[in-house]
Amino acid sequence: YTGEFLPAQAGVLWVAQEAKRYRSLFYSCVEKTV
């Protein structure tokens, strides 16, 4: 995970939904790693 999912298309609905999902996965992954 090297940054937000497709940040230039953040206003597109499907992109925003996937960005939110991947952000949540990243948070969980970091917490479990820590």
Full PDB file with SEQRES, HELIX, SHEET, SSBOND, CRYST1, ORIGX, SCALE, CONECT and MASTER records, all heavy atoms in Angstrom:
SEQRES   1 A   34  TYR THR GLY GLU PHE LEU PRO ALA GLN ALA GLY VAL LEU          
SEQRES   2 A   34  TRP VAL ALA GLN GLU ALA LYS ARG TYR ARG SER LEU PHE          
SEQRES   3 A   34  TYR SER CYS VAL GLU LYS THR VAL                              
HELIX    1 AA1 PRO A    7  GLN A    9  5                                   3    
HELIX    2 AA2 LEU A   13  THR A   33  1                                  21    
CRYST1    1.000    1.000    1.000  90.00  90.00  90.00 P 1           1          
ORIGX1      1.000000  0.000000  0.000000        0.00000                         
ORIGX2      0.000000  1.000000  0.000000        0.00000                         
ORIGX3      0.000000  0.000000  1.000000        0.00000                         
SCALE1      1.000000  0.000000  0.000000        0.00000                         
SCALE2      0.000000  1.000000  0.000000        0.00000                         
SCALE3      0.000000  0.000000  1.000000        0.00000                         
ATOM      1  N   TYR A   1       0.869  -1.188   0.000  1.00  0.00           N  
ATOM      2  CA  TYR A   1       0.000   0.000   0.000  1.00  0.00           C  
ATOM      3  C   TYR A   1       0.901   1.231   0.000  1.00  0.00           C  
ATOM      4  O   TYR A   1       1.549   1.553   0.983  1.00  0.00           O  
ATOM      5  CB  TYR A   1      -0.887  -0.017   1.238  1.00  0.00           C  
ATOM      6  CG  TYR A   1      -1.947   1.074   1.281  1.00  0.00           C  
ATOM      7  CD1 TYR A   1      -3.222   0.848   0.791  1.00  0.00           C  
ATOM      8  CD2 TYR A   1      -1.671   2.318   1.830  1.00  0.00           C  
ATOM      9  CE1 TYR A   1      -4.197   1.840   0.840  1.00  0.00           C  
ATOM     10  CE2 TYR A   1      -2.630   3.312   1.885  1.00  0.00           C  
ATOM     11  CZ  TYR A   1      -3.898   3.068   1.387  1.00  0.00           C  
ATOM     12  OH  TYR A   1      -4.854   4.057   1.435  1.00  0.00           O  
ATOM     13  N   THR A   2       0.929   1.937  -1.118  1.00  0.00           N  
ATOM     14  CA  THR A   2       1.836   3.083  -1.254  1.00  0.00           C  
ATOM     15  C   THR A   2       1.099   4.416  -1.330  1.00  0.00           C  
ATOM     16  O   THR A   2       1.685   5.432  -1.689  1.00  0.00           O  
ATOM     17  CB  THR A   2       2.714   2.911  -2.509  1.00  0.00           C  
ATOM     18  OG1 THR A   2       1.861   2.704  -3.650  1.00  0.00           O  
ATOM     19  CG2 THR A   2       3.652   1.733  -2.359  1.00  0.00           C  
ATOM     20  N   GLY A   3      -0.182   4.425  -1.002  1.00  0.00           N  
ATOM     21  CA  GLY A   3      -0.962   5.663  -1.025  1.00  0.00           C  
ATOM     22  C   GLY A   3      -2.420   5.376  -1.333  1.00  0.00           C  
ATOM     23  O   GLY A   3      -2.810   4.208  -1.532  1.00  0.00           O  
ATOM     24  N   GLU A   4      -3.231   6.428  -1.382  1.00  0.00           N  
ATOM     25  CA  GLU A   4      -4.656   6.279  -1.652  1.00  0.00           C  
ATOM     26  C   GLU A   4      -4.902   5.584  -2.997  1.00  0.00           C  
ATOM     27  O   GLU A   4      -4.138   5.755  -3.948  1.00  0.00           O  
ATOM     28  CB  GLU A   4      -5.338   7.644  -1.672  1.00  0.00           C  
ATOM     29  CG  GLU A   4      -5.582   8.244  -0.297  1.00  0.00           C  
ATOM     30  CD  GLU A   4      -6.774   7.607   0.399  1.00  0.00           C  
ATOM     31  OE1 GLU A   4      -7.902   7.695  -0.127  1.00  0.00           O  
ATOM     32  OE2 GLU A   4      -6.569   7.009   1.471  1.00  0.00           O  
ATOM     33  N   PHE A   5      -5.976   4.835  -3.089  1.00  0.00           N  
ATOM     34  CA  PHE A   5      -6.361   4.152  -4.320  1.00  0.00           C  
ATOM     35  C   PHE A   5      -6.857   5.189  -5.336  1.00  0.00           C  
ATOM     36  O   PHE A   5      -7.802   5.930  -5.079  1.00  0.00           O  
ATOM     37  CB  PHE A   5      -7.473   3.143  -4.008  1.00  0.00           C  
ATOM     38  CG  PHE A   5      -7.968   2.355  -5.195  1.00  0.00           C  
ATOM     39  CD1 PHE A   5      -7.270   1.271  -5.664  1.00  0.00           C  
ATOM     40  CD2 PHE A   5      -9.153   2.720  -5.829  1.00  0.00           C  
ATOM     41  CE1 PHE A   5      -7.725   0.536  -6.750  1.00  0.00           C  
ATOM     42  CE2 PHE A   5      -9.619   1.997  -6.921  1.00  0.00           C  
ATOM     43  CZ  PHE A   5      -8.903   0.899  -7.381  1.00  0.00           C  
ATOM     44  N   LEU A   6      -6.188   5.266  -6.491  1.00  0.00           N  
ATOM     45  CA  LEU A   6      -6.525   6.186  -7.588  1.00  0.00           C  
ATOM     46  C   LEU A   6      -6.925   7.570  -7.074  1.00  0.00           C  
ATOM     47  O   LEU A   6      -8.064   8.025  -7.266  1.00  0.00           O  
ATOM     48  CB  LEU A   6      -7.656   5.594  -8.440  1.00  0.00           C  
ATOM     49  CG  LEU A   6      -7.320   4.324  -9.232  1.00  0.00           C  
ATOM     50  CD1 LEU A   6      -8.550   3.832 -10.003  1.00  0.00           C  
ATOM     51  CD2 LEU A   6      -6.161   4.554 -10.191  1.00  0.00           C  
ATOM     52  N   PRO A   7      -6.016   8.296  -6.430  1.00  0.00           N  
ATOM     53  CA  PRO A   7      -6.363   9.593  -5.830  1.00  0.00           C  
ATOM     54  C   PRO A   7      -6.869  10.629  -6.836  1.00  0.00           C  
ATOM     55  O   PRO A   7      -7.692  11.476  -6.484  1.00  0.00           O  
ATOM     56  CB  PRO A   7      -5.047  10.045  -5.185  1.00  0.00           C  
ATOM     57  CG  PRO A   7      -3.977   9.276  -5.904  1.00  0.00           C  
ATOM     58  CD  PRO A   7      -4.595   7.966  -6.239  1.00  0.00           C  
ATOM     59  N   ALA A   8      -6.420  10.566  -8.092  1.00  0.00           N  
ATOM     60  CA  ALA A   8      -6.861  11.547  -9.089  1.00  0.00           C  
ATOM     61  C   ALA A   8      -8.323  11.352  -9.476  1.00  0.00           C  
ATOM     62  O   ALA A   8      -8.956  12.259 -10.017  1.00  0.00           O  
ATOM     63  CB  ALA A   8      -5.978  11.463 -10.338  1.00  0.00           C  
ATOM     64  N   GLN A   9      -8.868  10.162  -9.232  1.00  0.00           N  
ATOM     65  CA  GLN A   9     -10.277   9.872  -9.557  1.00  0.00           C  
ATOM     66  C   GLN A   9     -11.127   9.746  -8.288  1.00  0.00           C  
ATOM     67  O   GLN A   9     -12.133   9.033  -8.271  1.00  0.00           O  
ATOM     68  CB  GLN A   9     -10.393   8.574 -10.354  1.00  0.00           C  
ATOM     69  CG  GLN A   9     -10.186   8.739 -11.854  1.00  0.00           C  
ATOM     70  CD  GLN A   9      -8.732   8.994 -12.200  1.00  0.00           C  
ATOM     71  OE1 GLN A   9      -8.330  10.138 -12.389  1.00  0.00           O  
ATOM     72  NE2 GLN A   9      -7.947   7.941 -12.287  1.00  0.00           N  
ATOM     73  N   ALA A  10     -10.751  10.431  -7.230  1.00  0.00           N  
ATOM     74  CA  ALA A  10     -11.432  10.288  -5.935  1.00  0.00           C  
ATOM     75  C   ALA A  10     -12.908  10.671  -6.009  1.00  0.00           C  
ATOM     76  O   ALA A  10     -13.709  10.217  -5.191  1.00  0.00           O  
ATOM     77  CB  ALA A  10     -10.737  11.150  -4.877  1.00  0.00           C  
ATOM     78  N   GLY A  11     -13.289  11.486  -6.995  1.00  0.00           N  
ATOM     79  CA  GLY A  11     -14.685  11.905  -7.113  1.00  0.00           C  
ATOM     80  C   GLY A  11     -15.576  10.889  -7.808  1.00  0.00           C  
ATOM     81  O   GLY A  11     -16.799  11.057  -7.844  1.00  0.00           O  
ATOM     82  N   VAL A  12     -14.987   9.822  -8.367  1.00  0.00           N  
ATOM     83  CA  VAL A  12     -15.766   8.778  -9.037  1.00  0.00           C  
ATOM     84  C   VAL A  12     -16.260   7.793  -7.980  1.00  0.00           C  
ATOM     85  O   VAL A  12     -15.483   7.333  -7.137  1.00  0.00           O  
ATOM     86  CB  VAL A  12     -14.906   8.048 -10.093  1.00  0.00           C  
ATOM     87  CG1 VAL A  12     -15.706   6.953 -10.779  1.00  0.00           C  
ATOM     88  CG2 VAL A  12     -14.383   9.054 -11.123  1.00  0.00           C  
ATOM     89  N   LEU A  13     -17.537   7.460  -8.020  1.00  0.00           N  
ATOM     90  CA  LEU A  13     -18.155   6.683  -6.944  1.00  0.00           C  
ATOM     91  C   LEU A  13     -17.454   5.361  -6.672  1.00  0.00           C  
ATOM     92  O   LEU A  13     -17.114   5.044  -5.533  1.00  0.00           O  
ATOM     93  CB  LEU A  13     -19.639   6.444  -7.251  1.00  0.00           C  
ATOM     94  CG  LEU A  13     -20.420   5.665  -6.183  1.00  0.00           C  
ATOM     95  CD1 LEU A  13     -20.367   6.381  -4.846  1.00  0.00           C  
ATOM     96  CD2 LEU A  13     -21.864   5.443  -6.633  1.00  0.00           C  
ATOM     97  N   TRP A  14     -17.231   4.550  -7.712  1.00  0.00           N  
ATOM     98  CA  TRP A  14     -16.645   3.230  -7.477  1.00  0.00           C  
ATOM     99  C   TRP A  14     -15.228   3.348  -6.930  1.00  0.00           C  
ATOM    100  O   TRP A  14     -14.801   2.541  -6.089  1.00  0.00           O  
ATOM    101  CB  TRP A  14     -16.673   2.373  -8.748  1.00  0.00           C  
ATOM    102  CG  TRP A  14     -15.587   2.651  -9.743  1.00  0.00           C  
ATOM    103  CD1 TRP A  14     -15.632   3.528 -10.784  1.00  0.00           C  
ATOM    104  CD2 TRP A  14     -14.286   2.037  -9.802  1.00  0.00           C  
ATOM    105  NE1 TRP A  14     -14.449   3.517 -11.483  1.00  0.00           N  
ATOM    106  CE2 TRP A  14     -13.611   2.597 -10.911  1.00  0.00           C  
ATOM    107  CE3 TRP A  14     -13.631   1.072  -9.035  1.00  0.00           C  
ATOM    108  CZ2 TRP A  14     -12.322   2.240 -11.258  1.00  0.00           C  
ATOM    109  CZ3 TRP A  14     -12.337   0.709  -9.380  1.00  0.00           C  
ATOM    110  CH2 TRP A  14     -11.699   1.287 -10.486  1.00  0.00           C  
ATOM    111  N   VAL A  15     -14.494   4.386  -7.368  1.00  0.00           N  
ATOM    112  CA  VAL A  15     -13.132   4.616  -6.874  1.00  0.00           C  
ATOM    113  C   VAL A  15     -13.172   5.010  -5.397  1.00  0.00           C  
ATOM    114  O   VAL A  15     -12.394   4.499  -4.583  1.00  0.00           O  
ATOM    115  CB  VAL A  15     -12.428   5.708  -7.699  1.00  0.00           C  
ATOM    116  CG1 VAL A  15     -11.075   6.070  -7.079  1.00  0.00           C  
ATOM    117  CG2 VAL A  15     -12.234   5.241  -9.143  1.00  0.00           C  
ATOM    118  N   ALA A  16     -14.092   5.911  -5.040  1.00  0.00           N  
ATOM    119  CA  ALA A  16     -14.208   6.352  -3.651  1.00  0.00           C  
ATOM    120  C   ALA A  16     -14.537   5.174  -2.726  1.00  0.00           C  
ATOM    121  O   ALA A  16     -14.001   5.067  -1.614  1.00  0.00           O  
ATOM    122  CB  ALA A  16     -15.272   7.435  -3.532  1.00  0.00           C  
ATOM    123  N   GLN A  17     -15.402   4.276  -3.201  1.00  0.00           N  
ATOM    124  CA  GLN A  17     -15.775   3.112  -2.385  1.00  0.00           C  
ATOM    125  C   GLN A  17     -14.592   2.173  -2.183  1.00  0.00           C  
ATOM    126  O   GLN A  17     -14.347   1.688  -1.072  1.00  0.00           O  
ATOM    127  CB  GLN A  17     -16.936   2.373  -3.056  1.00  0.00           C  
ATOM    128  CG  GLN A  17     -18.245   3.145  -3.036  1.00  0.00           C  
ATOM    129  CD  GLN A  17     -19.325   2.502  -3.890  1.00  0.00           C  
ATOM    130  OE1 GLN A  17     -19.044   1.728  -4.809  1.00  0.00           O  
ATOM    131  NE2 GLN A  17     -20.582   2.814  -3.600  1.00  0.00           N  
ATOM    132  N   GLU A  18     -13.842   1.933  -3.256  1.00  0.00           N  
ATOM    133  CA  GLU A  18     -12.672   1.061  -3.150  1.00  0.00           C  
ATOM    134  C   GLU A  18     -11.569   1.712  -2.307  1.00  0.00           C  
ATOM    135  O   GLU A  18     -10.898   1.041  -1.521  1.00  0.00           O  
ATOM    136  CB  GLU A  18     -12.129   0.727  -4.542  1.00  0.00           C  
ATOM    137  CG  GLU A  18     -12.942  -0.299  -5.298  1.00  0.00           C  
ATOM    138  CD  GLU A  18     -12.832  -1.680  -4.670  1.00  0.00           C  
ATOM    139  OE1 GLU A  18     -13.502  -1.934  -3.635  1.00  0.00           O  
ATOM    140  OE2 GLU A  18     -12.067  -2.508  -5.180  1.00  0.00           O  
ATOM    141  N   ALA A  19     -11.399   3.027  -2.458  1.00  0.00           N  
ATOM    142  CA  ALA A  19     -10.382   3.738  -1.676  1.00  0.00           C  
ATOM    143  C   ALA A  19     -10.668   3.607  -0.183  1.00  0.00           C  
ATOM    144  O   ALA A  19      -9.761   3.367   0.624  1.00  0.00           O  
ATOM    145  CB  ALA A  19     -10.330   5.203  -2.091  1.00  0.00           C  
ATOM    146  N   LYS A  20     -11.932   3.748   0.167  1.00  0.00           N  
ATOM    147  CA  LYS A  20     -12.327   3.610   1.578  1.00  0.00           C  
ATOM    148  C   LYS A  20     -12.067   2.194   2.081  1.00  0.00           C  
ATOM    149  O   LYS A  20     -11.565   1.992   3.200  1.00  0.00           O  
ATOM    150  CB  LYS A  20     -13.805   3.969   1.732  1.00  0.00           C  
ATOM    151  CG  LYS A  20     -14.308   3.888   3.157  1.00  0.00           C  
ATOM    152  CD  LYS A  20     -15.778   4.273   3.239  1.00  0.00           C  
ATOM    153  CE  LYS A  20     -16.287   4.149   4.675  1.00  0.00           C  
ATOM    154  NZ  LYS A  20     -17.723   4.504   4.770  1.00  0.00           N  
ATOM    155  N   ARG A  21     -12.387   1.191   1.251  1.00  0.00           N  
ATOM    156  CA  ARG A  21     -12.196  -0.205   1.649  1.00  0.00           C  
ATOM    157  C   ARG A  21     -10.711  -0.525   1.833  1.00  0.00           C  
ATOM    158  O   ARG A  21     -10.312  -1.141   2.831  1.00  0.00           O  
ATOM    159  CB  ARG A  21     -12.810  -1.131   0.593  1.00  0.00           C  
ATOM    160  CG  ARG A  21     -12.802  -2.602   0.981  1.00  0.00           C  
ATOM    161  CD  ARG A  21     -13.589  -3.414  -0.035  1.00  0.00           C  
ATOM    162  NE  ARG A  21     -12.924  -3.499  -1.319  1.00  0.00           N  
ATOM    163  CZ  ARG A  21     -12.002  -4.424  -1.612  1.00  0.00           C  
ATOM    164  NH1 ARG A  21     -11.651  -5.322  -0.711  1.00  0.00           N  
ATOM    165  NH2 ARG A  21     -11.453  -4.457  -2.817  1.00  0.00           N  
ATOM    166  N   TYR A  22      -9.876  -0.082   0.890  1.00  0.00           N  
ATOM    167  CA  TYR A  22      -8.447  -0.356   0.991  1.00  0.00           C  
ATOM    168  C   TYR A  22      -7.817   0.404   2.152  1.00  0.00           C  
ATOM    169  O   TYR A  22      -6.905  -0.090   2.824  1.00  0.00           O  
ATOM    170  CB  TYR A  22      -7.744   0.010  -0.313  1.00  0.00           C  
ATOM    171  CG  TYR A  22      -7.957  -1.007  -1.410  1.00  0.00           C  
ATOM    172  CD1 TYR A  22      -8.517  -0.638  -2.635  1.00  0.00           C  
ATOM    173  CD2 TYR A  22      -7.604  -2.346  -1.231  1.00  0.00           C  
ATOM    174  CE1 TYR A  22      -8.725  -1.568  -3.636  1.00  0.00           C  
ATOM    175  CE2 TYR A  22      -7.803  -3.281  -2.230  1.00  0.00           C  
ATOM    176  CZ  TYR A  22      -8.363  -2.892  -3.433  1.00  0.00           C  
ATOM    177  OH  TYR A  22      -8.575  -3.811  -4.424  1.00  0.00           O  
ATOM    178  N   ARG A  23      -8.296   1.626   2.409  1.00  0.00           N  
ATOM    179  CA  ARG A  23      -7.782   2.395   3.547  1.00  0.00           C  
ATOM    180  C   ARG A  23      -8.053   1.652   4.854  1.00  0.00           C  
ATOM    181  O   ARG A  23      -7.189   1.562   5.723  1.00  0.00           O  
ATOM    182  CB  ARG A  23      -8.440   3.776   3.567  1.00  0.00           C  
ATOM    183  CG  ARG A  23      -7.761   4.785   4.482  1.00  0.00           C  
ATOM    184  CD  ARG A  23      -8.539   6.098   4.492  1.00  0.00           C  
ATOM    185  NE  ARG A  23      -8.823   6.568   3.152  1.00  0.00           N  
ATOM    186  CZ  ARG A  23     -10.047   6.814   2.697  1.00  0.00           C  
ATOM    187  NH1 ARG A  23     -11.110   6.633   3.484  1.00  0.00           N  
ATOM    188  NH2 ARG A  23     -10.239   7.243   1.469  1.00  0.00           N  
ATOM    189  N   SER A  24      -9.256   1.102   4.965  1.00  0.00           N  
ATOM    190  CA  SER A  24      -9.625   0.350   6.157  1.00  0.00           C  
ATOM    191  C   SER A  24      -8.763  -0.906   6.297  1.00  0.00           C  
ATOM    192  O   SER A  24      -8.314  -1.250   7.405  1.00  0.00           O  
ATOM    193  CB  SER A  24     -11.113  -0.031   6.090  1.00  0.00           C  
ATOM    194  OG  SER A  24     -11.494  -0.796   7.205  1.00  0.00           O  
ATOM    195  N   LEU A  25      -8.514  -1.593   5.180  1.00  0.00           N  
ATOM    196  CA  LEU A  25      -7.651  -2.780   5.207  1.00  0.00           C  
ATOM    197  C   LEU A  25      -6.231  -2.422   5.640  1.00  0.00           C  
ATOM    198  O   LEU A  25      -5.590  -3.150   6.405  1.00  0.00           O  
ATOM    199  CB  LEU A  25      -7.613  -3.435   3.817  1.00  0.00           C  
ATOM    200  CG  LEU A  25      -8.819  -4.289   3.416  1.00  0.00           C  
ATOM    201  CD1 LEU A  25      -8.698  -4.705   1.947  1.00  0.00           C  
ATOM    202  CD2 LEU A  25      -8.927  -5.529   4.303  1.00  0.00           C  
ATOM    203  N   PHE A  26      -5.741  -1.286   5.158  1.00  0.00           N  
ATOM    204  CA  PHE A  26      -4.386  -0.845   5.511  1.00  0.00           C  
ATOM    205  C   PHE A  26      -4.305  -0.540   7.008  1.00  0.00           C  
ATOM    206  O   PHE A  26      -3.341  -0.939   7.676  1.00  0.00           O  
ATOM    207  CB  PHE A  26      -4.007   0.380   4.689  1.00  0.00           C  
ATOM    208  CG  PHE A  26      -2.654   0.949   5.031  1.00  0.00           C  
ATOM    209  CD1 PHE A  26      -1.496   0.242   4.758  1.00  0.00           C  
ATOM    210  CD2 PHE A  26      -2.549   2.193   5.635  1.00  0.00           C  
ATOM    211  CE1 PHE A  26      -0.254   0.762   5.077  1.00  0.00           C  
ATOM    212  CE2 PHE A  26      -1.310   2.717   5.949  1.00  0.00           C  
ATOM    213  CZ  PHE A  26      -0.155   2.007   5.672  1.00  0.00           C  
ATOM    214  N   TYR A  27      -5.299   0.180   7.531  1.00  0.00           N  
ATOM    215  CA  TYR A  27      -5.309   0.492   8.961  1.00  0.00           C  
ATOM    216  C   TYR A  27      -5.249  -0.795   9.788  1.00  0.00           C  
ATOM    217  O   TYR A  27      -4.473  -0.908  10.740  1.00  0.00           O  
ATOM    218  CB  TYR A  27      -6.575   1.262   9.331  1.00  0.00           C  
ATOM    219  CG  TYR A  27      -6.597   2.712   8.883  1.00  0.00           C  
ATOM    220  CD1 TYR A  27      -5.560   3.244   8.111  1.00  0.00           C  
ATOM    221  CD2 TYR A  27      -7.651   3.538   9.214  1.00  0.00           C  
ATOM    222  CE1 TYR A  27      -5.590   4.563   7.679  1.00  0.00           C  
ATOM    223  CE2 TYR A  27      -7.680   4.871   8.794  1.00  0.00           C  
ATOM    224  CZ  TYR A  27      -6.652   5.368   8.021  1.00  0.00           C  
ATOM    225  OH  TYR A  27      -6.678   6.670   7.603  1.00  0.00           O  
ATOM    226  N   SER A  28      -6.090  -1.757   9.419  1.00  0.00           N  
ATOM    227  CA  SER A  28      -6.133  -3.023  10.144  1.00  0.00           C  
ATOM    228  C   SER A  28      -4.802  -3.759  10.041  1.00  0.00           C  
ATOM    229  O   SER A  28      -4.310  -4.332  11.022  1.00  0.00           O  
ATOM    230  CB  SER A  28      -7.264  -3.896   9.592  1.00  0.00           C  
ATOM    231  OG  SER A  28      -7.270  -5.160  10.187  1.00  0.00           O  
ATOM    232  N   CYS A  29      -4.210  -3.726   8.855  1.00  0.00           N  
ATOM    233  CA  CYS A  29      -2.942  -4.411   8.621  1.00  0.00           C  
ATOM    234  C   CYS A  29      -1.826  -3.796   9.464  1.00  0.00           C  
ATOM    235  O   CYS A  29      -1.023  -4.517  10.073  1.00  0.00           O  
ATOM    236  CB  CYS A  29      -2.589  -4.337   7.135  1.00  0.00           C  
ATOM    237  SG  CYS A  29      -1.139  -5.302   6.660  1.00  0.00           S  
ATOM    238  N   VAL A  30      -1.771  -2.481   9.526  1.00  0.00           N  
ATOM    239  CA  VAL A  30      -0.750  -1.813  10.337  1.00  0.00           C  
ATOM    240  C   VAL A  30      -0.945  -2.140  11.813  1.00  0.00           C  
ATOM    241  O   VAL A  30       0.006  -2.440  12.540  1.00  0.00           O  
ATOM    242  CB  VAL A  30      -0.789  -0.283  10.120  1.00  0.00           C  
ATOM    243  CG1 VAL A  30       0.169   0.419  11.086  1.00  0.00           C  
ATOM    244  CG2 VAL A  30      -0.401   0.069   8.690  1.00  0.00           C  
ATOM    245  N   GLU A  31      -2.189  -2.088  12.276  1.00  0.00           N  
ATOM    246  CA  GLU A  31      -2.471  -2.366  13.687  1.00  0.00           C  
ATOM    247  C   GLU A  31      -2.054  -3.788  14.070  1.00  0.00           C  
ATOM    248  O   GLU A  31      -1.470  -4.014  15.139  1.00  0.00           O  
ATOM    249  CB  GLU A  31      -3.961  -2.152  13.969  1.00  0.00           C  
ATOM    250  CG  GLU A  31      -4.358  -0.685  13.971  1.00  0.00           C  
ATOM    251  CD  GLU A  31      -5.855  -0.488  13.942  1.00  0.00           C  
ATOM    252  OE1 GLU A  31      -6.603  -1.487  13.843  1.00  0.00           O  
ATOM    253  OE2 GLU A  31      -6.299   0.684  14.008  1.00  0.00           O  
ATOM    254  N   LYS A  32      -2.329  -4.757  13.182  1.00  0.00           N  
ATOM    255  CA  LYS A  32      -1.947  -6.141  13.468  1.00  0.00           C  
ATOM    256  C   LYS A  32      -0.429  -6.308  13.436  1.00  0.00           C  
ATOM    257  O   LYS A  32       0.140  -7.059  14.233  1.00  0.00           O  
ATOM    258  CB  LYS A  32      -2.613  -7.077  12.468  1.00  0.00           C  
ATOM    259  CG  LYS A  32      -4.119  -7.186  12.659  1.00  0.00           C  
ATOM    260  CD  LYS A  32      -4.791  -7.999  11.562  1.00  0.00           C  
ATOM    261  CE  LYS A  32      -6.302  -8.066  11.765  1.00  0.00           C  
ATOM    262  NZ  LYS A  32      -6.982  -8.790  10.674  1.00  0.00           N  
ATOM    263  N   THR A  33       0.222  -5.605  12.513  1.00  0.00           N  
ATOM    264  CA  THR A  33       1.691  -5.635  12.440  1.00  0.00           C  
ATOM    265  C   THR A  33       2.299  -5.068  13.712  1.00  0.00           C  
ATOM    266  O   THR A  33       3.223  -5.655  14.302  1.00  0.00           O  
ATOM    267  CB  THR A  33       2.181  -4.834  11.221  1.00  0.00           C  
ATOM    268  OG1 THR A  33       1.601  -5.367  10.027  1.00  0.00           O  
ATOM    269  CG2 THR A  33       3.695  -4.882  11.105  1.00  0.00           C  
ATOM    270  N   VAL A  34       1.786  -3.926  14.143  1.00  0.00           N  
ATOM    271  CA  VAL A  34       2.299  -3.269  15.351  1.00  0.00           C  
ATOM    272  C   VAL A  34       2.089  -4.146  16.578  1.00  0.00           C  
ATOM    273  O   VAL A  34       2.977  -4.258  17.436  1.00  0.00           O  
ATOM    274  CB  VAL A  34       1.624  -1.893  15.541  1.00  0.00           C  
ATOM    275  CG1 VAL A  34       1.927  -1.316  16.916  1.00  0.00           C  
ATOM    276  CG2 VAL A  34       2.069  -0.928  14.453  1.00  0.00           C  
TER     277      VAL A  34                                                      
MASTER        0    0    0    2    0    0    0    6  276    1    0    3          
END                                                                             
